[in-house]
Amino acid sequence: MNDDSVAVFKALADDVRLGLVRRIAKSQEPRLTCDIIAECSELSALSQPTISHHIGKLVAAGVLTEVKHAQQKSYLLNTRRLEAVGIDPSKI
């Protein structure tokens, strides 16, 4: 297993990050940061900085792709990256 694969599996090993990925994976459209944070804050006691930290870890591992729109960011599941390490994105 190479370092890239390890980074993906490490990122997904955290329950919070896996939950974020599952929420983002349900949408075919990019999800705005503010929408993700609002949804996660309603469902758990996580603060905005904590959610942002976890999103950053997922982007760094290549699990999520970040798209910038002026001053906003949105996120998509990087299905190619997941498939490259043997993960079926439809089963997340």
PDB file of N, CA and C in Angstrom:
ATOM      1  N   MET A   1       0.856  -1.173   0.000  1.00  0.00           N
ATOM      2  CA  MET A   1       0.000   0.000   0.000  1.00  0.00           C
ATOM      3  C   MET A   1       0.900   1.234   0.000  1.00  0.00           C
ATOM      4  N   ASN A   2       0.621   2.178  -0.896  1.00  0.00           N
ATOM      5  CA  ASN A   2       1.453   3.374  -0.964  1.00  0.00           C
ATOM      6  C   ASN A   2       0.941   4.464  -0.019  1.00  0.00           C
ATOM      7  N   ASP A   3       1.734   5.528   0.090  1.00  0.00           N
ATOM      8  CA  ASP A   3       1.401   6.617   1.020  1.00  0.00           C
ATOM      9  C   ASP A   3       0.074   7.296   0.680  1.00  0.00           C
ATOM     10  N   ASP A   4      -0.242   7.392  -0.624  1.00  0.00           N
ATOM     11  CA  ASP A   4      -1.509   8.014  -1.018  1.00  0.00           C
ATOM     12  C   ASP A   4      -2.699   7.207  -0.507  1.00  0.00           C
ATOM     13  N   SER A   5      -2.605   5.900  -0.620  1.00  0.00           N
ATOM     14  CA  SER A   5      -3.684   5.033  -0.131  1.00  0.00           C
ATOM     15  C   SER A   5      -3.833   5.153   1.376  1.00  0.00           C
ATOM     16  N   VAL A   6      -2.707   5.181   2.063  1.00  0.00           N
ATOM     17  CA  VAL A   6      -2.727   5.301   3.523  1.00  0.00           C
ATOM     18  C   VAL A   6      -3.409   6.601   3.935  1.00  0.00           C
ATOM     19  N   ALA A   7      -3.117   7.699   3.225  1.00  0.00           N
ATOM     20  CA  ALA A   7      -3.723   8.995   3.552  1.00  0.00           C
ATOM     21  C   ALA A   7      -5.244   8.944   3.413  1.00  0.00           C
ATOM     22  N   VAL A   8      -5.724   8.292   2.366  1.00  0.00           N
ATOM     23  CA  VAL A   8      -7.172   8.185   2.158  1.00  0.00           C
ATOM     24  C   VAL A   8      -7.814   7.364   3.275  1.00  0.00           C
ATOM     25  N   PHE A   9      -7.239   6.211   3.565  1.00  0.00           N
ATOM     26  CA  PHE A   9      -7.829   5.348   4.598  1.00  0.00           C
ATOM     27  C   PHE A   9      -7.740   5.982   5.983  1.00  0.00           C
ATOM     28  N   LYS A  10      -6.668   6.704   6.246  1.00  0.00           N
ATOM     29  CA  LYS A  10      -6.540   7.408   7.529  1.00  0.00           C
ATOM     30  C   LYS A  10      -7.619   8.481   7.661  1.00  0.00           C
ATOM     31  N   ALA A  11      -7.839   9.212   6.578  1.00  0.00           N
ATOM     32  CA  ALA A  11      -8.850  10.270   6.605  1.00  0.00           C
ATOM     33  C   ALA A  11     -10.241   9.692   6.841  1.00  0.00           C
ATOM     34  N   LEU A  12     -10.516   8.547   6.238  1.00  0.00           N
ATOM     35  CA  LEU A  12     -11.842   7.938   6.368  1.00  0.00           C
ATOM     36  C   LEU A  12     -12.013   7.131   7.650  1.00  0.00           C
ATOM     37  N   ALA A  13     -10.930   6.898   8.372  1.00  0.00           N
ATOM     38  CA  ALA A  13     -10.995   6.110   9.607  1.00  0.00           C
ATOM     39  C   ALA A  13     -11.659   6.873  10.750  1.00  0.00           C
ATOM     40  N   ASP A  14     -11.739   8.183  10.636  1.00  0.00           N
ATOM     41  CA  ASP A  14     -12.361   9.010  11.668  1.00  0.00           C
ATOM     42  C   ASP A  14     -13.877   9.051  11.440  1.00  0.00           C
ATOM     43  N   ASP A  15     -14.651   8.790  12.476  1.00  0.00           N
ATOM     44  CA  ASP A  15     -16.115   8.753  12.354  1.00  0.00           C
ATOM     45  C   ASP A  15     -16.709  10.073  11.870  1.00  0.00           C
ATOM     46  N   VAL A  16     -16.175  11.188  12.353  1.00  0.00           N
ATOM     47  CA  VAL A  16     -16.689  12.496  11.943  1.00  0.00           C
ATOM     48  C   VAL A  16     -16.440  12.708  10.457  1.00  0.00           C
ATOM     49  N   ARG A  17     -15.219  12.426  10.007  1.00  0.00           N
ATOM     50  CA  ARG A  17     -14.894  12.619   8.595  1.00  0.00           C
ATOM     51  C   ARG A  17     -15.694  11.668   7.703  1.00  0.00           C
ATOM     52  N   LEU A  18     -15.868  10.441   8.139  1.00  0.00           N
ATOM     53  CA  LEU A  18     -16.665   9.497   7.355  1.00  0.00           C
ATOM     54  C   LEU A  18     -18.109   9.990   7.240  1.00  0.00           C
ATOM     55  N   GLY A  19     -18.634  10.547   8.318  1.00  0.00           N
ATOM     56  CA  GLY A  19     -19.982  11.118   8.280  1.00  0.00           C
ATOM     57  C   GLY A  19     -20.086  12.285   7.312  1.00  0.00           C
ATOM     58  N   LEU A  20     -19.072  13.142   7.306  1.00  0.00           N
ATOM     59  CA  LEU A  20     -19.049  14.262   6.360  1.00  0.00           C
ATOM     60  C   LEU A  20     -19.036  13.749   4.926  1.00  0.00           C
ATOM     61  N   VAL A  21     -18.199  12.765   4.665  1.00  0.00           N
ATOM     62  CA  VAL A  21     -18.099  12.201   3.316  1.00  0.00           C
ATOM     63  C   VAL A  21     -19.436  11.604   2.896  1.00  0.00           C
ATOM     64  N   ARG A  22     -20.089  10.917   3.787  1.00  0.00           N
ATOM     65  CA  ARG A  22     -21.395  10.325   3.463  1.00  0.00           C
ATOM     66  C   ARG A  22     -22.424  11.397   3.117  1.00  0.00           C
ATOM     67  N   ARG A  23     -22.418  12.492   3.857  1.00  0.00           N
ATOM     68  CA  ARG A  23     -23.365  13.579   3.571  1.00  0.00           C
ATOM     69  C   ARG A  23     -23.069  14.216   2.216  1.00  0.00           C
ATOM     70  N   ILE A  24     -21.802  14.451   1.949  1.00  0.00           N
ATOM     71  CA  ILE A  24     -21.411  15.080   0.685  1.00  0.00           C
ATOM     72  C   ILE A  24     -21.651  14.127  -0.482  1.00  0.00           C
ATOM     73  N   ALA A  25     -21.441  12.837  -0.271  1.00  0.00           N
ATOM     74  CA  ALA A  25     -21.613  11.843  -1.336  1.00  0.00           C
ATOM     75  C   ALA A  25     -23.069  11.732  -1.794  1.00  0.00           C
ATOM     76  N   LYS A  26     -24.010  12.069  -0.936  1.00  0.00           N
ATOM     77  CA  LYS A  26     -25.431  11.981  -1.297  1.00  0.00           C
ATOM     78  C   LYS A  26     -25.807  12.981  -2.383  1.00  0.00           C
ATOM     79  N   SER A  27     -25.046  14.047  -2.500  1.00  0.00           N
ATOM     80  CA  SER A  27     -25.348  15.106  -3.455  1.00  0.00           C
ATOM     81  C   SER A  27     -24.482  14.962  -4.703  1.00  0.00           C
ATOM     82  N   GLN A  28     -25.086  15.136  -5.853  1.00  0.00           N
ATOM     83  CA  GLN A  28     -24.335  15.124  -7.107  1.00  0.00           C
ATOM     84  C   GLN A  28     -23.743  16.504  -7.395  1.00  0.00           C
ATOM     85  N   GLU A  29     -24.244  17.498  -6.709  1.00  0.00           N
ATOM     86  CA  GLU A  29     -23.783  18.875  -6.883  1.00  0.00           C
ATOM     87  C   GLU A  29     -22.771  19.225  -5.798  1.00  0.00           C
ATOM     88  N   PRO A  30     -21.873  20.169  -6.085  1.00  0.00           N
ATOM     89  CA  PRO A  30     -20.942  20.618  -5.031  1.00  0.00           C
ATOM     90  C   PRO A  30     -21.714  21.173  -3.838  1.00  0.00           C
ATOM     91  N   ARG A  31     -21.234  20.874  -2.636  1.00  0.00           N
ATOM     92  CA  ARG A  31     -21.867  21.352  -1.400  1.00  0.00           C
ATOM     93  C   ARG A  31     -21.081  22.537  -0.860  1.00  0.00           C
ATOM     94  N   LEU A  32     -21.765  23.638  -0.606  1.00  0.00           N
ATOM     95  CA  LEU A  32     -21.118  24.814  -0.036  1.00  0.00           C
ATOM     96  C   LEU A  32     -20.701  24.544   1.400  1.00  0.00           C
ATOM     97  N   THR A  33     -19.577  25.130   1.786  1.00  0.00           N
ATOM     98  CA  THR A  33     -19.066  24.962   3.139  1.00  0.00           C
ATOM     99  C   THR A  33     -20.117  25.343   4.174  1.00  0.00           C
ATOM    100  N   CYS A  34     -20.778  26.481   3.963  1.00  0.00           N
ATOM    101  CA  CYS A  34     -21.761  26.942   4.952  1.00  0.00           C
ATOM    102  C   CYS A  34     -22.911  25.944   5.100  1.00  0.00           C
ATOM    103  N   ASP A  35     -23.310  25.297   4.007  1.00  0.00           N
ATOM    104  CA  ASP A  35     -24.380  24.293   4.086  1.00  0.00           C
ATOM    105  C   ASP A  35     -23.927  23.061   4.863  1.00  0.00           C
ATOM    106  N   ILE A  36     -22.705  22.620   4.601  1.00  0.00           N
ATOM    107  CA  ILE A  36     -22.160  21.455   5.303  1.00  0.00           C
ATOM    108  C   ILE A  36     -22.067  21.741   6.796  1.00  0.00           C
ATOM    109  N   ILE A  37     -21.538  22.906   7.135  1.00  0.00           N
ATOM    110  CA  ILE A  37     -21.357  23.270   8.543  1.00  0.00           C
ATOM    111  C   ILE A  37     -22.711  23.398   9.241  1.00  0.00           C
ATOM    112  N   ALA A  38     -23.677  24.038   8.580  1.00  0.00           N
ATOM    113  CA  ALA A  38     -25.003  24.197   9.188  1.00  0.00           C
ATOM    114  C   ALA A  38     -25.650  22.837   9.436  1.00  0.00           C
ATOM    115  N   GLU A  39     -25.569  21.949   8.460  1.00  0.00           N
ATOM    116  CA  GLU A  39     -26.164  20.615   8.598  1.00  0.00           C
ATOM    117  C   GLU A  39     -25.488  19.823   9.713  1.00  0.00           C
ATOM    118  N   CYS A  40     -24.162  19.858   9.754  1.00  0.00           N
ATOM    119  CA  CYS A  40     -23.428  19.094  10.768  1.00  0.00           C
ATOM    120  C   CYS A  40     -23.624  19.676  12.162  1.00  0.00           C
ATOM    121  N   SER A  41     -23.733  20.984  12.253  1.00  0.00           N
ATOM    122  CA  SER A  41     -23.953  21.615  13.553  1.00  0.00           C
ATOM    123  C   SER A  41     -25.308  21.231  14.125  1.00  0.00           C
ATOM    124  N   GLU A  42     -26.303  21.080  13.242  1.00  0.00           N
ATOM    125  CA  GLU A  42     -27.634  20.678  13.693  1.00  0.00           C
ATOM    126  C   GLU A  42     -27.646  19.230  14.178  1.00  0.00           C
ATOM    127  N   LEU A  43     -26.845  18.390  13.543  1.00  0.00           N
ATOM    128  CA  LEU A  43     -26.860  16.961  13.852  1.00  0.00           C
ATOM    129  C   LEU A  43     -25.913  16.561  14.980  1.00  0.00           C
ATOM    130  N   SER A  44     -24.960  17.418  15.283  1.00  0.00           N
ATOM    131  CA  SER A  44     -23.993  17.073  16.331  1.00  0.00           C
ATOM    132  C   SER A  44     -23.570  18.331  17.070  1.00  0.00           C
ATOM    133  N   ALA A  45     -22.746  18.153  18.052  1.00  0.00           N
ATOM    134  CA  ALA A  45     -22.286  19.286  18.859  1.00  0.00           C
ATOM    135  C   ALA A  45     -20.967  19.851  18.339  1.00  0.00           C
ATOM    136  N   LEU A  46     -20.635  19.574  17.093  1.00  0.00           N
ATOM    137  CA  LEU A  46     -19.361  20.045  16.548  1.00  0.00           C
ATOM    138  C   LEU A  46     -19.420  21.529  16.216  1.00  0.00           C
ATOM    139  N   SER A  47     -18.332  22.213  16.495  1.00  0.00           N
ATOM    140  CA  SER A  47     -18.246  23.637  16.191  1.00  0.00           C
ATOM    141  C   SER A  47     -17.802  23.839  14.746  1.00  0.00           C
ATOM    142  N   GLN A  48     -17.969  25.053  14.258  1.00  0.00           N
ATOM    143  CA  GLN A  48     -17.558  25.385  12.889  1.00  0.00           C
ATOM    144  C   GLN A  48     -16.071  25.135  12.672  1.00  0.00           C
ATOM    145  N   PRO A  49     -15.186  25.559  13.587  1.00  0.00           N
ATOM    146  CA  PRO A  49     -13.760  25.288  13.375  1.00  0.00           C
ATOM    147  C   PRO A  49     -13.433  23.793  13.321  1.00  0.00           C
ATOM    148  N   THR A  50     -14.125  22.995  14.113  1.00  0.00           N
ATOM    149  CA  THR A  50     -13.886  21.548  14.110  1.00  0.00           C
ATOM    150  C   THR A  50     -14.304  20.933  12.778  1.00  0.00           C
ATOM    151  N   ILE A  51     -15.464  21.330  12.284  1.00  0.00           N
ATOM    152  CA  ILE A  51     -15.931  20.817  10.996  1.00  0.00           C
ATOM    153  C   ILE A  51     -14.978  21.249   9.883  1.00  0.00           C
ATOM    154  N   SER A  52     -14.550  22.501   9.906  1.00  0.00           N
ATOM    155  CA  SER A  52     -13.604  22.999   8.900  1.00  0.00           C
ATOM    156  C   SER A  52     -12.293  22.229   8.948  1.00  0.00           C
ATOM    157  N   HIS A  53     -11.838  21.908  10.144  1.00  0.00           N
ATOM    158  CA  HIS A  53     -10.614  21.120  10.313  1.00  0.00           C
ATOM    159  C   HIS A  53     -10.760  19.758   9.635  1.00  0.00           C
ATOM    160  N   HIS A  54     -11.878  19.096   9.870  1.00  0.00           N
ATOM    161  CA  HIS A  54     -12.102  17.776   9.286  1.00  0.00           C
ATOM    162  C   HIS A  54     -12.226  17.858   7.761  1.00  0.00           C
ATOM    163  N   ILE A  55     -12.889  18.890   7.261  1.00  0.00           N
ATOM    164  CA  ILE A  55     -12.980  19.076   5.813  1.00  0.00           C
ATOM    165  C   ILE A  55     -11.582  19.271   5.229  1.00  0.00           C
ATOM    166  N   GLY A  56     -10.745  20.050   5.901  1.00  0.00           N
ATOM    167  CA  GLY A  56      -9.371  20.262   5.445  1.00  0.00           C
ATOM    168  C   GLY A  56      -8.582  18.967   5.362  1.00  0.00           C
ATOM    169  N   LYS A  57      -8.769  18.093   6.336  1.00  0.00           N
ATOM    170  CA  LYS A  57      -8.088  16.788   6.324  1.00  0.00           C
ATOM    171  C   LYS A  57      -8.545  15.947   5.130  1.00  0.00           C
ATOM    172  N   LEU A  58      -9.830  15.988   4.828  1.00  0.00           N
ATOM    173  CA  LEU A  58     -10.363  15.226   3.703  1.00  0.00           C
ATOM    174  C   LEU A  58      -9.859  15.769   2.366  1.00  0.00           C
ATOM    175  N   VAL A  59      -9.741  17.082   2.264  1.00  0.00           N
ATOM    176  CA  VAL A  59      -9.197  17.693   1.046  1.00  0.00           C
ATOM    177  C   VAL A  59      -7.726  17.334   0.897  1.00  0.00           C
ATOM    178  N   ALA A  60      -6.967  17.420   1.982  1.00  0.00           N
ATOM    179  CA  ALA A  60      -5.532  17.100   1.944  1.00  0.00           C
ATOM    180  C   ALA A  60      -5.286  15.651   1.529  1.00  0.00           C
ATOM    181  N   ALA A  61      -6.180  14.757   1.916  1.00  0.00           N
ATOM    182  CA  ALA A  61      -6.039  13.339   1.565  1.00  0.00           C
ATOM    183  C   ALA A  61      -6.553  13.051   0.156  1.00  0.00           C
ATOM    184  N   GLY A  62      -7.207  14.031  -0.456  1.00  0.00           N
ATOM    185  CA  GLY A  62      -7.731  13.841  -1.801  1.00  0.00           C
ATOM    186  C   GLY A  62      -9.094  13.189  -1.849  1.00  0.00           C
ATOM    187  N   VAL A  63      -9.737  13.035  -0.702  1.00  0.00           N
ATOM    188  CA  VAL A  63     -11.066  12.420  -0.650  1.00  0.00           C
ATOM    189  C   VAL A  63     -12.118  13.396  -1.178  1.00  0.00           C
ATOM    190  N   LEU A  64     -11.947  14.676  -0.863  1.00  0.00           N
ATOM    191  CA  LEU A  64     -12.835  15.722  -1.363  1.00  0.00           C
ATOM    192  C   LEU A  64     -12.067  16.642  -2.295  1.00  0.00           C
ATOM    193  N   THR A  65     -12.776  17.167  -3.277  1.00  0.00           N
ATOM    194  CA  THR A  65     -12.225  18.174  -4.174  1.00  0.00           C
ATOM    195  C   THR A  65     -12.838  19.511  -3.788  1.00  0.00           C
ATOM    196  N   GLU A  66     -11.989  20.514  -3.620  1.00  0.00           N
ATOM    197  CA  GLU A  66     -12.445  21.848  -3.242  1.00  0.00           C
ATOM    198  C   GLU A  66     -12.590  22.702  -4.497  1.00  0.00           C
ATOM    199  N   VAL A  67     -13.738  23.368  -4.627  1.00  0.00           N
ATOM    200  CA  VAL A  67     -13.999  24.263  -5.749  1.00  0.00           C
ATOM    201  C   VAL A  67     -14.248  25.648  -5.165  1.00  0.00           C
ATOM    202  N   LYS A  68     -13.499  26.642  -5.656  1.00  0.00           N
ATOM    203  CA  LYS A  68     -13.657  27.998  -5.126  1.00  0.00           C
ATOM    204  C   LYS A  68     -14.548  28.820  -6.052  1.00  0.00           C
ATOM    205  N   HIS A  69     -15.496  29.536  -5.440  1.00  0.00           N
ATOM    206  CA  HIS A  69     -16.407  30.434  -6.141  1.00  0.00           C
ATOM    207  C   HIS A  69     -16.298  31.789  -5.453  1.00  0.00           C
ATOM    208  N   ALA A  70     -15.534  32.689  -6.026  1.00  0.00           N
ATOM    209  CA  ALA A  70     -15.303  34.003  -5.411  1.00  0.00           C
ATOM    210  C   ALA A  70     -14.807  33.812  -3.979  1.00  0.00           C
ATOM    211  N   GLN A  71     -15.643  34.139  -2.992  1.00  0.00           N
ATOM    212  CA  GLN A  71     -15.213  34.004  -1.601  1.00  0.00           C
ATOM    213  C   GLN A  71     -15.763  32.750  -0.928  1.00  0.00           C
ATOM    214  N   GLN A  72     -16.494  31.946  -1.658  1.00  0.00           N
ATOM    215  CA  GLN A  72     -17.053  30.721  -1.086  1.00  0.00           C
ATOM    216  C   GLN A  72     -16.337  29.497  -1.636  1.00  0.00           C
ATOM    217  N   LYS A  73     -16.407  28.418  -0.878  1.00  0.00           N
ATOM    218  CA  LYS A  73     -15.843  27.145  -1.308  1.00  0.00           C
ATOM    219  C   LYS A  73     -16.950  26.103  -1.279  1.00  0.00           C
ATOM    220  N   SER A  74     -16.855  25.183  -2.205  1.00  0.00           N
ATOM    221  CA  SER A  74     -17.762  24.038  -2.179  1.00  0.00           C
ATOM    222  C   SER A  74     -16.933  22.773  -2.346  1.00  0.00           C
ATOM    223  N   TYR A  75     -17.545  21.646  -2.042  1.00  0.00           N
ATOM    224  CA  TYR A  75     -16.812  20.379  -2.017  1.00  0.00           C
ATOM    225  C   TYR A  75     -17.587  19.289  -2.734  1.00  0.00           C
ATOM    226  N   LEU A  76     -16.829  18.469  -3.447  1.00  0.00           N
ATOM    227  CA  LEU A  76     -17.352  17.297  -4.143  1.00  0.00           C
ATOM    228  C   LEU A  76     -16.560  16.081  -3.715  1.00  0.00           C
ATOM    229  N   LEU A  77     -17.190  14.939  -3.743  1.00  0.00           N
ATOM    230  CA  LEU A  77     -16.490  13.690  -3.480  1.00  0.00           C
ATOM    231  C   LEU A  77     -15.582  13.391  -4.670  1.00  0.00           C
ATOM    232  N   ASN A  78     -14.330  13.079  -4.399  1.00  0.00           N
ATOM    233  CA  ASN A  78     -13.362  12.753  -5.449  1.00  0.00           C
ATOM    234  C   ASN A  78     -13.455  11.249  -5.730  1.00  0.00           C
ATOM    235  N   THR A  79     -14.414  10.877  -6.567  1.00  0.00           N
ATOM    236  CA  THR A  79     -14.676   9.462  -6.818  1.00  0.00           C
ATOM    237  C   THR A  79     -13.493   8.764  -7.477  1.00  0.00           C
ATOM    238  N   ARG A  80     -12.786   9.458  -8.335  1.00  0.00           N
ATOM    239  CA  ARG A  80     -11.620   8.842  -8.988  1.00  0.00           C
ATOM    240  C   ARG A  80     -10.564   8.446  -7.970  1.00  0.00           C
ATOM    241  N   ARG A  81     -10.342   9.312  -7.023  1.00  0.00           N
ATOM    242  CA  ARG A  81      -9.342   9.038  -5.984  1.00  0.00           C
ATOM    243  C   ARG A  81      -9.747   7.817  -5.151  1.00  0.00           C
ATOM    244  N   LEU A  82     -11.012   7.767  -4.779  1.00  0.00           N
ATOM    245  CA  LEU A  82     -11.493   6.632  -3.990  1.00  0.00           C
ATOM    246  C   LEU A  82     -11.391   5.330  -4.780  1.00  0.00           C
ATOM    247  N   GLU A  83     -11.792   5.366  -6.034  1.00  0.00           N
ATOM    248  CA  GLU A  83     -11.707   4.170  -6.872  1.00  0.00           C
ATOM    249  C   GLU A  83     -10.260   3.720  -7.057  1.00  0.00           C
ATOM    250  N   ALA A  84      -9.336   4.680  -7.130  1.00  0.00           N
ATOM    251  CA  ALA A  84      -7.920   4.353  -7.318  1.00  0.00           C
ATOM    252  C   ALA A  84      -7.343   3.561  -6.145  1.00  0.00           C
ATOM    253  N   VAL A  85      -7.936   3.726  -4.964  1.00  0.00           N
ATOM    254  CA  VAL A  85      -7.453   2.975  -3.796  1.00  0.00           C
ATOM    255  C   VAL A  85      -8.373   1.798  -3.463  1.00  0.00           C
ATOM    256  N   GLY A  86      -9.310   1.498  -4.370  1.00  0.00           N
ATOM    257  CA  GLY A  86     -10.151   0.319  -4.203  1.00  0.00           C
ATOM    258  C   GLY A  86     -11.438   0.521  -3.432  1.00  0.00           C
ATOM    259  N   ILE A  87     -11.882   1.768  -3.290  1.00  0.00           N
ATOM    260  CA  ILE A  87     -13.125   2.055  -2.575  1.00  0.00           C
ATOM    261  C   ILE A  87     -14.220   2.350  -3.594  1.00  0.00           C
ATOM    262  N   ASP A  88     -15.350   1.681  -3.454  1.00  0.00           N
ATOM    263  CA  ASP A  88     -16.499   1.936  -4.312  1.00  0.00           C
ATOM    264  C   ASP A  88     -17.275   3.109  -3.707  1.00  0.00           C
ATOM    265  N   PRO A  89     -17.247   4.285  -4.358  1.00  0.00           N
ATOM    266  CA  PRO A  89     -17.915   5.463  -3.794  1.00  0.00           C
ATOM    267  C   PRO A  89     -19.409   5.266  -3.538  1.00  0.00           C
ATOM    268  N   SER A  90     -20.049   4.397  -4.284  1.00  0.00           N
ATOM    269  CA  SER A  90     -21.487   4.183  -4.092  1.00  0.00           C
ATOM    270  C   SER A  90     -21.788   3.413  -2.806  1.00  0.00           C
ATOM    271  N   LYS A  91     -20.767   2.845  -2.191  1.00  0.00           N
ATOM    272  CA  LYS A  91     -20.976   2.056  -0.971  1.00  0.00           C
ATOM    273  C   LYS A  91     -20.541   2.784   0.293  1.00  0.00           C
ATOM    274  N   ILE A  92     -20.209   4.033   0.156  1.00  0.00           N
ATOM    275  CA  ILE A  92     -19.782   4.800   1.335  1.00  0.00           C
ATOM    276  C   ILE A  92     -20.997   5.157   2.155  1.00  0.00           C
TER     277      ILE A  92
END
